[in-house]
Amino acid sequence: MNALLAFAQPWALVLLPLALLPLLAARRDALVFPHLPWLPPDPAGTALGWAARLLAALAIFATVAAIAGPQRPETFVQRTGRGAEIVLLIDRSRSMDERMLPADWRTIDPLNLRYQAASRGEPKGKAARELLAKFVAERRDDRFALMFFSSNPIRIVRFTQHDAVVQAGITAGGVGRGLSDTDVGRALAAAIAEFDRRAYTGSRIVLLVSDGGARLDDATKQRLRAAALRNRVALAWIYLRSVNGPRLDTPGDAAEAVPEVALHRFFQTLPGGYRSYEAEDPAGLARAVADVGRQENFPLDYSERVPRRDFSRLALAVAAACCVLLLALRALTLGAWR
């Protein structure tokens, strides 16, 4: 357990006895009178005299304490909230720079739909980043990790509760253009591995945001199933469907030839649980993100980091205030003698 108070320069504490010096009577403070009963009682003067001594003692004490560098060490506090541990796994391939359908796409002639999407639709990656940033901001008790992927997974942020760090990482995902290749299997394995060697404290989920699928070999499928079972991780896939792109619920065995459908059917076999969402316009994407937020709202135990706090400036402020009050008392005393 961390100490309640620590000192950066503990050797300075040997100077603390100096704070007793103002409390000792000094001969220069004595005044000679032929007969003390002639002096009138002066309770105010006595109180001011003791106040000056105490202020001087406190000023020395605070100065020595400031030199010693008092501080509260970094600690971790166990708390219980409602939420989940979530890995945001965002596709950063070149296809994510393509545009989604505009909001009014249902009123557009189907023959003109692709042109309208290319000219008026919002880029998939941009829409996804904006909604995920809002999602992170609204879930204060969650712990987030952030990864992007194309041909390789790129870890951006490890698990943290610091919203600003995750938001900065999401914003950075919009810099530059993505690569042409996409390796969903490797990215998903890396995302599940983020939970390795972490104590299980509540709901765990990998939130995959991608517009494409992949055909995984048997060895990769076995590794993913084993990892999901070992870490008790659920998967949610927000599938950003392109114009005329395949639907995940396409029936028939022939649909297995479609990478998105094949990946969707494999995800349904994962032991940790799986949910899929199809979004072809910003409104559909918003509904998908909102549903994930409603689903992942279970009790969660987490450790909150309380950063180190330095009290040196506070001690110096106390010493300075005591010195100012001493000067004021000195001026008042001299005024009375005049």
Protein backbone atom coordinates (compact mmCIF):
# COMPACT_ATOMS: atom_id res chain seq x y z
CA MET A 1 0.00 0.00 0.00
CA ASN A 2 1.31 3.46 -0.85
CA ALA A 3 2.02 5.91 1.96
CA LEU A 4 -0.42 8.74 2.50
CA LEU A 5 2.43 11.28 2.37
CA ALA A 6 5.97 11.11 1.06
CA PHE A 7 8.83 13.59 0.71
CA ALA A 8 11.10 14.22 -2.25
CA GLN A 9 13.89 15.55 0.04
CA PRO A 10 13.31 13.88 3.43
CA TRP A 11 16.70 15.06 4.78
CA ALA A 12 15.23 18.58 5.10
CA LEU A 13 12.94 17.40 7.90
CA VAL A 14 15.90 17.57 10.33
CA LEU A 15 15.43 21.37 10.19
CA LEU A 16 11.91 21.21 11.67
CA PRO A 17 13.08 21.93 15.27
CA LEU A 18 13.95 25.44 14.06
CA ALA A 19 10.21 26.14 14.15
CA LEU A 20 10.40 26.13 17.98
CA LEU A 21 12.76 29.11 18.10
CA PRO A 22 10.05 31.83 17.89
CA LEU A 23 8.25 30.25 20.86
CA LEU A 24 11.25 30.79 23.13
CA ALA A 25 11.38 34.05 25.11
CA ALA A 26 14.08 36.45 23.96
CA ARG A 27 15.78 38.95 26.32
CA ARG A 28 15.55 41.70 23.72
CA ASP A 29 11.75 41.48 23.96
CA ALA A 30 11.81 42.36 27.70
CA LEU A 31 11.06 45.91 28.90
CA VAL A 32 12.27 47.27 32.29
CA PHE A 33 9.68 48.87 34.61
CA PRO A 34 10.26 49.97 38.25
CA HIS A 35 6.99 48.46 39.43
CA LEU A 36 4.98 45.97 37.32
CA PRO A 37 1.62 46.56 39.10
CA TRP A 38 1.71 50.07 37.65
CA LEU A 39 1.24 48.55 34.15
CA PRO A 40 -2.38 48.25 33.05
CA PRO A 41 -3.59 44.80 31.89
CA ASP A 42 -3.07 44.33 28.14
CA PRO A 43 -4.84 41.13 26.92
CA ALA A 44 -4.79 42.37 23.34
CA GLY A 45 -1.05 42.89 23.39
CA THR A 46 -0.50 39.47 24.96
CA ALA A 47 -2.68 37.84 22.28
CA LEU A 48 -0.86 39.69 19.51
CA GLY A 49 2.48 38.65 20.96
CA TRP A 50 1.53 34.96 20.97
CA ALA A 51 -0.02 35.31 17.53
CA ALA A 52 3.26 36.69 16.20
CA ARG A 53 5.22 33.82 17.75
CA LEU A 54 2.87 31.21 16.34
CA LEU A 55 2.91 32.78 12.90
CA ALA A 56 6.70 32.84 12.89
CA ALA A 57 6.82 29.20 13.99
CA LEU A 58 4.32 28.22 11.30
CA ALA A 59 6.26 30.16 8.66
CA ILE A 60 9.47 28.27 9.49
CA PHE A 61 7.62 24.95 9.62
CA ALA A 62 5.98 25.54 6.22
CA THR A 63 9.27 26.66 4.65
CA VAL A 64 11.07 23.53 5.84
CA ALA A 65 8.15 21.39 4.63
CA ALA A 66 8.31 23.03 1.18
CA ILE A 67 12.05 22.27 0.97
CA ALA A 68 11.32 18.63 1.88
CA GLY A 69 8.87 18.39 -1.05
CA PRO A 70 5.72 16.84 0.45
CA GLN A 71 3.65 14.83 -2.00
CA ARG A 72 0.91 12.24 -2.18
CA PRO A 73 2.22 9.24 -4.15
CA GLU A 74 0.37 7.81 -7.12
CA THR A 75 -2.34 5.40 -5.99
CA PHE A 76 -4.94 3.12 -7.54
CA VAL A 77 -8.52 3.04 -6.24
CA GLN A 78 -10.87 0.14 -6.92
CA ARG A 79 -14.26 1.27 -8.20
CA THR A 80 -17.37 -0.35 -9.66
CA GLY A 81 -19.27 1.17 -12.57
CA ARG A 82 -21.42 0.06 -15.46
CA GLY A 83 -19.82 -0.51 -18.83
CA ALA A 84 -17.26 -2.75 -20.50
CA GLU A 85 -13.69 -3.15 -21.64
CA ILE A 86 -13.84 -2.37 -25.34
CA VAL A 87 -11.24 -2.69 -28.08
CA LEU A 88 -12.09 -0.37 -30.98
CA LEU A 89 -10.79 -2.15 -34.09
CA ILE A 90 -11.17 0.22 -37.03
CA ASP A 91 -10.52 -0.61 -40.67
CA ARG A 92 -8.05 1.86 -42.18
CA SER A 93 -7.89 0.40 -45.66
CA ARG A 94 -8.35 2.52 -48.77
CA SER A 95 -11.96 1.45 -49.21
CA MET A 96 -12.85 3.26 -45.97
CA ASP A 97 -12.13 6.52 -47.80
CA GLU A 98 -15.06 5.80 -50.12
CA ARG A 99 -18.38 7.51 -49.45
CA MET A 100 -21.53 6.17 -47.83
CA LEU A 101 -25.02 6.66 -49.21
CA PRO A 102 -26.47 10.13 -48.59
CA ALA A 103 -29.19 10.49 -45.98
CA ASP A 104 -31.93 10.78 -48.62
CA TRP A 105 -30.77 7.81 -50.70
CA ARG A 106 -34.16 6.09 -50.57
CA THR A 107 -35.65 8.88 -52.69
CA ILE A 108 -32.93 8.66 -55.37
CA ASP A 109 -33.32 6.73 -58.63
CA PRO A 110 -31.42 3.42 -58.15
CA LEU A 111 -29.69 3.93 -61.51
CA ASN A 112 -28.26 7.21 -60.21
CA LEU A 113 -27.48 5.96 -56.71
CA ARG A 114 -23.78 5.25 -57.13
CA TYR A 115 -23.12 8.68 -58.65
CA GLN A 116 -25.05 10.42 -55.88
CA ALA A 117 -23.12 8.50 -53.20
CA ALA A 118 -19.79 9.40 -54.79
CA SER A 119 -20.70 13.09 -54.99
CA ARG A 120 -22.76 13.74 -51.83
CA GLY A 121 -22.11 10.89 -49.42
CA GLU A 122 -19.93 11.18 -46.33
CA PRO A 123 -16.65 9.18 -46.27
CA LYS A 124 -17.06 5.94 -44.34
CA GLY A 125 -13.97 6.42 -42.21
CA LYS A 126 -14.86 9.99 -41.28
CA ALA A 127 -18.43 9.10 -40.31
CA ALA A 128 -17.22 6.14 -38.25
CA ARG A 129 -14.57 8.17 -36.41
CA GLU A 130 -17.03 10.94 -35.51
CA LEU A 131 -19.61 8.53 -34.09
CA LEU A 132 -17.01 6.47 -32.23
CA ALA A 133 -15.58 9.65 -30.69
CA LYS A 134 -19.06 10.51 -29.42
CA PHE A 135 -19.50 6.92 -28.22
CA VAL A 136 -16.27 7.12 -26.19
CA ALA A 137 -17.19 10.51 -24.71
CA GLU A 138 -20.54 9.23 -23.45
CA ARG A 139 -19.18 6.11 -21.72
CA ARG A 140 -17.22 7.40 -18.74
CA ASP A 141 -16.84 4.08 -16.88
CA ASP A 142 -15.58 2.07 -19.86
CA ARG A 143 -11.97 1.27 -20.56
CA PHE A 144 -10.97 1.57 -24.20
CA ALA A 145 -8.14 0.28 -26.34
CA LEU A 146 -7.77 1.52 -29.92
CA MET A 147 -6.35 -0.27 -32.96
CA PHE A 148 -6.39 0.45 -36.69
CA PHE A 149 -5.65 -2.14 -39.31
CA SER A 150 -5.15 -2.66 -43.01
CA SER A 151 -2.51 -5.21 -44.01
CA ASN A 152 -1.24 -5.16 -40.38
CA PRO A 153 -2.82 -4.19 -37.05
CA ILE A 154 -1.56 -0.92 -35.61
CA ARG A 155 -1.95 -0.47 -31.85
CA ILE A 156 -2.71 3.17 -31.05
CA VAL A 157 -3.83 3.17 -27.40
CA ARG A 158 -3.69 0.44 -24.78
CA PHE A 159 -6.55 0.10 -22.31
CA THR A 160 -7.18 3.43 -20.62
CA GLN A 161 -9.96 5.48 -19.07
CA HIS A 162 -8.47 8.76 -20.25
CA ASP A 163 -10.97 10.01 -22.78
CA ALA A 164 -8.65 12.63 -24.24
CA VAL A 165 -6.03 10.02 -25.19
CA VAL A 166 -8.57 7.83 -27.01
CA GLN A 167 -10.11 10.85 -28.74
CA ALA A 168 -6.69 11.96 -29.97
CA GLY A 169 -6.03 8.47 -31.32
CA ILE A 170 -9.36 8.38 -33.17
CA THR A 171 -8.65 11.79 -34.70
CA ALA A 172 -5.19 10.66 -35.81
CA GLY A 173 -6.82 7.85 -37.79
CA GLY A 174 -8.01 10.38 -40.34
CA VAL A 175 -4.50 11.46 -41.37
CA GLY A 176 -3.39 10.31 -44.82
CA ARG A 177 -4.83 7.59 -47.03
CA GLY A 178 -5.26 3.92 -46.21
CA LEU A 179 -3.55 0.95 -47.84
CA SER A 180 -5.16 -1.31 -50.38
CA ASP A 181 -4.76 -4.60 -48.46
CA THR A 182 -6.88 -5.74 -45.51
CA ASP A 183 -6.06 -8.62 -43.15
CA VAL A 184 -9.05 -9.02 -40.84
CA GLY A 185 -7.82 -12.28 -39.31
CA ARG A 186 -4.52 -10.86 -38.08
CA ALA A 187 -6.19 -7.68 -36.84
CA LEU A 188 -8.84 -9.59 -34.89
CA ALA A 189 -6.22 -11.86 -33.32
CA ALA A 190 -4.25 -8.80 -32.17
CA ALA A 191 -7.41 -7.18 -30.77
CA ILE A 192 -8.35 -10.26 -28.73
CA ALA A 193 -4.75 -10.52 -27.51
CA GLU A 194 -5.15 -7.11 -25.85
CA PHE A 195 -7.02 -8.96 -23.09
CA ASP A 196 -4.19 -11.43 -22.45
CA ARG A 197 -2.88 -11.38 -18.87
CA ARG A 198 -5.62 -8.98 -17.79
CA ALA A 199 -7.83 -9.80 -14.81
CA TYR A 200 -11.41 -10.45 -15.83
CA THR A 201 -13.45 -7.63 -14.29
CA GLY A 202 -16.60 -7.53 -16.43
CA SER A 203 -17.94 -7.44 -19.96
CA ARG A 204 -15.36 -7.59 -22.77
CA ILE A 205 -15.97 -6.74 -26.40
CA VAL A 206 -14.07 -6.19 -29.63
CA LEU A 207 -15.92 -3.62 -31.74
CA LEU A 208 -14.93 -4.19 -35.36
CA VAL A 209 -15.73 -1.37 -37.79
CA SER A 210 -15.04 -2.41 -41.37
CA ASP A 211 -16.54 -2.36 -44.84
CA GLY A 212 -15.06 -5.63 -46.10
CA GLY A 213 -14.70 -9.30 -45.33
CA ALA A 214 -12.06 -11.97 -45.72
CA ARG A 215 -11.71 -15.69 -46.19
CA LEU A 216 -9.78 -17.13 -43.24
CA ASP A 217 -7.88 -20.39 -43.34
CA ASP A 218 -8.66 -23.16 -40.85
CA ALA A 219 -5.60 -22.50 -38.69
CA THR A 220 -6.55 -18.83 -38.26
CA LYS A 221 -10.14 -19.78 -37.39
CA GLN A 222 -8.95 -22.20 -34.72
CA ARG A 223 -6.64 -19.60 -33.19
CA LEU A 224 -9.41 -17.00 -33.09
CA ARG A 225 -11.89 -19.41 -31.49
CA ALA A 226 -9.35 -20.44 -28.86
CA ALA A 227 -8.40 -16.84 -28.09
CA ALA A 228 -12.04 -15.71 -27.81
CA LEU A 229 -12.81 -18.63 -25.48
CA ARG A 230 -9.70 -18.07 -23.36
CA ASN A 231 -10.32 -14.36 -22.87
CA ARG A 232 -14.14 -14.55 -22.82
CA VAL A 233 -14.43 -11.86 -25.48
CA ALA A 234 -17.57 -10.98 -27.43
CA LEU A 235 -17.45 -9.53 -30.93
CA ALA A 236 -19.60 -6.85 -32.54
CA TRP A 237 -19.15 -6.08 -36.24
CA ILE A 238 -20.41 -2.81 -37.68
CA TYR A 239 -20.38 -3.62 -41.38
CA LEU A 240 -20.28 -0.47 -43.50
CA ARG A 241 -21.96 -1.75 -46.65
CA SER A 242 -20.92 -0.14 -49.92
CA VAL A 243 -23.34 0.74 -52.68
CA ASN A 244 -24.58 -2.56 -54.15
CA GLY A 245 -22.38 -4.40 -51.65
CA PRO A 246 -23.38 -7.87 -50.40
CA ARG A 247 -25.69 -8.30 -47.43
CA LEU A 248 -24.50 -10.40 -44.52
CA ASP A 249 -27.72 -12.40 -44.33
CA THR A 250 -27.56 -13.55 -47.95
CA PRO A 251 -29.02 -17.10 -47.90
CA GLY A 252 -27.70 -20.22 -49.59
CA ASP A 253 -24.44 -22.13 -49.66
CA ALA A 254 -23.28 -20.23 -52.73
CA ALA A 255 -23.07 -17.09 -50.60
CA GLU A 256 -20.02 -18.60 -48.84
CA ALA A 257 -18.01 -17.46 -51.85
CA VAL A 258 -18.64 -13.84 -50.81
CA PRO A 259 -15.89 -12.81 -48.32
CA GLU A 260 -18.22 -10.66 -46.18
CA VAL A 261 -20.79 -13.44 -45.86
CA ALA A 262 -18.10 -16.05 -45.15
CA LEU A 263 -16.60 -13.88 -42.42
CA HIS A 264 -20.04 -13.20 -40.93
CA ARG A 265 -20.86 -16.91 -40.75
CA PHE A 266 -17.52 -17.67 -39.12
CA PHE A 267 -18.08 -14.96 -36.52
CA GLN A 268 -21.37 -16.65 -35.61
CA THR A 269 -19.37 -19.68 -34.45
CA LEU A 270 -17.19 -17.77 -31.99
CA PRO A 271 -17.74 -18.90 -28.37
CA GLY A 272 -17.82 -15.46 -26.76
CA GLY A 273 -20.91 -14.18 -28.57
CA TYR A 274 -21.38 -12.14 -31.71
CA ARG A 275 -23.63 -9.36 -33.00
CA SER A 276 -23.61 -7.82 -36.46
CA TYR A 277 -24.90 -4.48 -37.74
CA GLU A 278 -25.24 -3.38 -41.34
CA ALA A 279 -24.91 0.34 -41.96
CA GLU A 280 -25.11 1.85 -45.41
CA ASP A 281 -25.67 5.49 -44.45
CA PRO A 282 -24.69 7.70 -41.46
CA ALA A 283 -28.08 7.17 -39.80
CA GLY A 284 -27.65 3.39 -39.91
CA LEU A 285 -24.15 3.72 -38.50
CA ALA A 286 -25.45 5.91 -35.66
CA ARG A 287 -28.12 3.33 -34.81
CA ALA A 288 -25.53 0.56 -34.74
CA VAL A 289 -23.20 2.46 -32.41
CA ALA A 290 -26.12 3.37 -30.13
CA ASP A 291 -27.22 -0.27 -29.91
CA VAL A 292 -23.72 -1.36 -28.94
CA GLY A 293 -23.84 1.24 -26.18
CA ARG A 294 -27.13 -0.13 -24.86
CA GLN A 295 -25.97 -3.75 -24.96
CA GLU A 296 -22.63 -3.24 -23.22
CA ASN A 297 -23.81 -1.76 -19.93
CA PHE A 298 -23.06 -4.36 -17.25
CA PRO A 299 -21.36 -4.01 -13.84
CA LEU A 300 -17.63 -3.45 -14.28
CA ASP A 301 -14.89 -3.45 -11.64
CA TYR A 302 -11.98 -1.23 -12.54
CA SER A 303 -8.94 0.36 -10.97
CA GLU A 304 -8.79 4.14 -11.23
CA ARG A 305 -5.37 5.77 -11.24
CA VAL A 306 -5.03 8.74 -8.88
CA PRO A 307 -1.97 10.73 -10.02
CA ARG A 308 0.78 12.00 -7.74
CA ARG A 309 0.08 15.37 -6.14
CA ASP A 310 2.79 17.81 -5.04
CA PHE A 311 2.10 19.98 -1.96
CA SER A 312 5.30 22.08 -2.11
CA ARG A 313 3.54 25.12 -3.58
CA LEU A 314 0.83 24.91 -0.94
CA ALA A 315 3.47 24.88 1.82
CA LEU A 316 5.22 27.90 0.27
CA ALA A 317 1.89 29.73 0.03
CA VAL A 318 1.27 29.10 3.76
CA ALA A 319 4.77 30.37 4.62
CA ALA A 320 4.27 33.51 2.51
CA ALA A 321 0.87 34.19 4.11
CA CYS A 322 2.39 33.88 7.58
CA CYS A 323 5.15 36.34 6.66
CA VAL A 324 2.61 38.85 5.37
CA LEU A 325 0.60 38.57 8.59
CA LEU A 326 3.79 39.01 10.63
CA LEU A 327 4.60 42.23 8.77
CA ALA A 328 1.07 43.46 9.42
CA LEU A 329 1.38 42.68 13.16
CA ARG A 330 4.76 44.37 13.28
CA ALA A 331 3.35 47.53 11.70
CA LEU A 332 0.44 47.48 14.15
CA THR A 333 2.79 47.08 17.13
CA LEU A 334 5.05 49.90 16.06
CA GLY A 335 2.06 52.13 15.53
CA ALA A 336 0.88 51.52 19.07
CA TRP A 337 4.31 52.43 20.55
CA ARG A 338 4.31 55.72 18.69
